[in-house]
Amino acid sequence: MTSKSITILAADDDLEDLELIEDAFSSLDQDISLYKVTNGKAVIDYLNNLPDSDLPCLIILDYNMPELKGSEVLAKIGKEKRYAEIPKLMLSTSSAPLHIHECISNGAAEYYVKPTSMRELEVIAKKMLAFCKLN
């Protein structure tokens, strides 16, 4: 991995959505490496097995996932000081105010509802990428 590359962790139980997210980031910057997992427990396992120097610059979570929901992942990693500086963003089909409030309360920096077009997803990806550049 070059020092210029950006690593983003994305968790979603829908493999097609993960591919779309990857395509959206690739359209913005070829130096983005997206590590994809399909459930909340895999997020915790992945992060726990990384040295501090290899932590992602951004974590993107879906709300509805098996094993641990996105809000539960936020609550768990929110207790760990080593993850405090990593922006955690939600990207979910759920637009329920309760889910949004729950995620923001548990440490999400932003909550995005999954768009219906690739163009809209690229706009969201660009906003998400700005969180990486701020750190």
Protein backbone atom coordinates (compact mmCIF):
# COMPACT_ATOMS: atom_id res chain seq x y z
CA MET A 1 0.00 0.00 0.00
CA THR A 2 1.41 3.38 -0.96
CA SER A 3 1.30 6.22 1.51
CA LYS A 4 -1.12 8.02 -0.80
CA SER A 5 -3.76 5.29 -0.83
CA ILE A 6 -6.92 5.67 1.20
CA THR A 7 -8.49 2.69 2.96
CA ILE A 8 -12.21 2.70 3.66
CA LEU A 9 -14.11 -0.03 5.49
CA ALA A 10 -17.63 -0.61 4.15
CA ALA A 11 -20.14 -2.96 5.77
CA ASP A 12 -23.38 -3.94 4.07
CA ASP A 13 -25.16 -7.29 3.85
CA ASP A 14 -26.18 -6.53 0.25
CA LEU A 15 -23.26 -7.50 -2.02
CA GLU A 16 -24.68 -5.49 -4.92
CA ASP A 17 -24.76 -2.36 -2.76
CA LEU A 18 -21.13 -2.96 -1.76
CA GLU A 19 -20.17 -3.17 -5.44
CA LEU A 20 -22.03 0.07 -6.19
CA ILE A 21 -20.28 1.81 -3.29
CA GLU A 22 -16.93 0.56 -4.57
CA ASP A 23 -17.75 1.79 -8.10
CA ALA A 24 -18.75 5.21 -6.76
CA PHE A 25 -15.46 5.63 -4.87
CA SER A 26 -13.42 4.31 -7.83
CA SER A 27 -14.99 6.95 -10.06
CA LEU A 28 -13.64 9.61 -7.67
CA ASP A 29 -10.13 8.32 -6.98
CA GLN A 30 -8.23 5.24 -8.12
CA ASP A 31 -6.13 5.25 -4.94
CA ILE A 32 -9.08 4.29 -2.76
CA SER A 33 -9.01 0.79 -1.35
CA LEU A 34 -12.42 -0.40 -0.14
CA TYR A 35 -12.41 -3.29 2.32
CA LYS A 36 -15.86 -4.89 2.26
CA VAL A 37 -17.58 -6.96 4.94
CA THR A 38 -21.16 -8.25 5.05
CA ASN A 39 -22.10 -8.10 8.73
CA GLY A 40 -21.53 -6.10 11.87
CA LYS A 41 -19.45 -8.74 13.65
CA ALA A 42 -17.02 -8.78 10.69
CA VAL A 43 -16.48 -5.02 11.17
CA ILE A 44 -15.40 -5.57 14.78
CA ASP A 45 -13.21 -8.57 13.87
CA TYR A 46 -11.53 -6.70 11.00
CA LEU A 47 -10.78 -3.61 13.11
CA ASN A 48 -9.55 -5.62 16.09
CA ASN A 49 -7.03 -7.46 13.91
CA LEU A 50 -5.47 -4.33 12.41
CA PRO A 51 -2.45 -2.51 13.80
CA ASP A 52 -3.13 1.16 14.57
CA SER A 53 -1.07 2.21 11.53
CA ASP A 54 -3.43 0.35 9.15
CA LEU A 55 -6.79 1.53 10.47
CA PRO A 56 -9.16 2.81 7.78
CA CYS A 57 -9.68 6.55 7.38
CA LEU A 58 -13.45 6.00 7.19
CA ILE A 59 -16.04 3.42 8.25
CA ILE A 60 -19.31 3.14 6.31
CA LEU A 61 -22.08 1.07 7.87
CA ASP A 62 -25.50 -0.13 6.79
CA TYR A 63 -28.19 0.01 9.48
CA ASN A 64 -29.76 -3.42 8.90
CA MET A 65 -27.08 -6.13 8.97
CA PRO A 66 -26.91 -9.64 10.41
CA GLU A 67 -25.14 -10.35 13.72
CA LEU A 68 -24.83 -6.65 14.68
CA LYS A 69 -26.83 -3.73 13.29
CA GLY A 70 -24.90 -0.63 12.24
CA SER A 71 -26.01 1.20 15.39
CA GLU A 72 -24.73 -1.68 17.54
CA VAL A 73 -21.37 -1.58 15.76
CA LEU A 74 -21.22 2.16 16.44
CA ALA A 75 -21.93 1.58 20.14
CA LYS A 76 -19.22 -1.10 20.40
CA ILE A 77 -16.45 0.72 18.56
CA GLY A 78 -17.43 4.01 20.17
CA LYS A 79 -16.11 2.65 23.47
CA GLU A 80 -12.65 2.08 21.98
CA LYS A 81 -10.28 5.03 22.08
CA ARG A 82 -8.29 3.76 19.05
CA TYR A 83 -11.34 4.26 16.80
CA ALA A 84 -12.31 7.69 18.12
CA GLU A 85 -10.65 9.63 15.28
CA ILE A 86 -12.17 7.52 12.48
CA PRO A 87 -15.33 9.07 11.01
CA LYS A 88 -18.22 6.60 11.07
CA LEU A 89 -20.91 7.16 8.45
CA MET A 90 -24.21 5.41 7.85
CA LEU A 91 -25.48 4.49 4.39
CA SER A 92 -28.81 2.73 4.67
CA THR A 93 -32.14 2.20 2.95
CA SER A 94 -33.83 3.07 6.24
CA SER A 95 -34.94 6.68 6.54
CA ALA A 96 -36.72 6.07 9.86
CA PRO A 97 -36.11 9.01 12.22
CA LEU A 98 -35.63 6.52 15.08
CA HIS A 99 -32.81 4.73 13.21
CA ILE A 100 -31.16 8.03 12.26
CA HIS A 101 -31.33 9.32 15.84
CA GLU A 102 -30.03 6.00 17.20
CA CYS A 103 -27.01 6.06 14.88
CA ILE A 104 -26.13 9.72 15.44
CA SER A 105 -26.46 9.16 19.21
CA ASN A 106 -24.10 6.18 18.95
CA GLY A 107 -21.41 8.18 17.17
CA ALA A 108 -22.21 8.35 13.45
CA ALA A 109 -20.84 11.58 11.97
CA GLU A 110 -23.49 11.51 9.24
CA TYR A 111 -26.44 9.40 8.09
CA TYR A 112 -27.14 9.03 4.38
CA VAL A 113 -30.16 7.29 2.87
CA LYS A 114 -29.15 5.08 -0.07
CA PRO A 115 -29.98 6.89 -3.30
CA THR A 116 -31.73 5.45 -6.34
CA SER A 117 -29.15 6.47 -8.95
CA MET A 118 -25.41 5.99 -9.42
CA ARG A 119 -24.98 9.73 -9.93
CA GLU A 120 -26.52 10.42 -6.51
CA LEU A 121 -24.33 7.72 -4.95
CA GLU A 122 -21.23 9.37 -6.43
CA VAL A 123 -22.30 12.68 -4.86
CA ILE A 124 -22.65 10.95 -1.48
CA ALA A 125 -19.30 9.17 -1.95
CA LYS A 126 -17.66 12.53 -2.59
CA LYS A 127 -19.16 13.90 0.65
CA MET A 128 -17.98 10.79 2.50
CA LEU A 129 -14.48 11.07 1.07
CA ALA A 130 -14.27 14.62 2.45
CA PHE A 131 -14.43 13.08 5.96
CA CYS A 132 -11.23 11.13 5.16
CA LYS A 133 -9.41 14.23 3.99
CA LEU A 134 -10.34 16.09 7.17
CA ASN A 135 -8.37 13.63 9.30
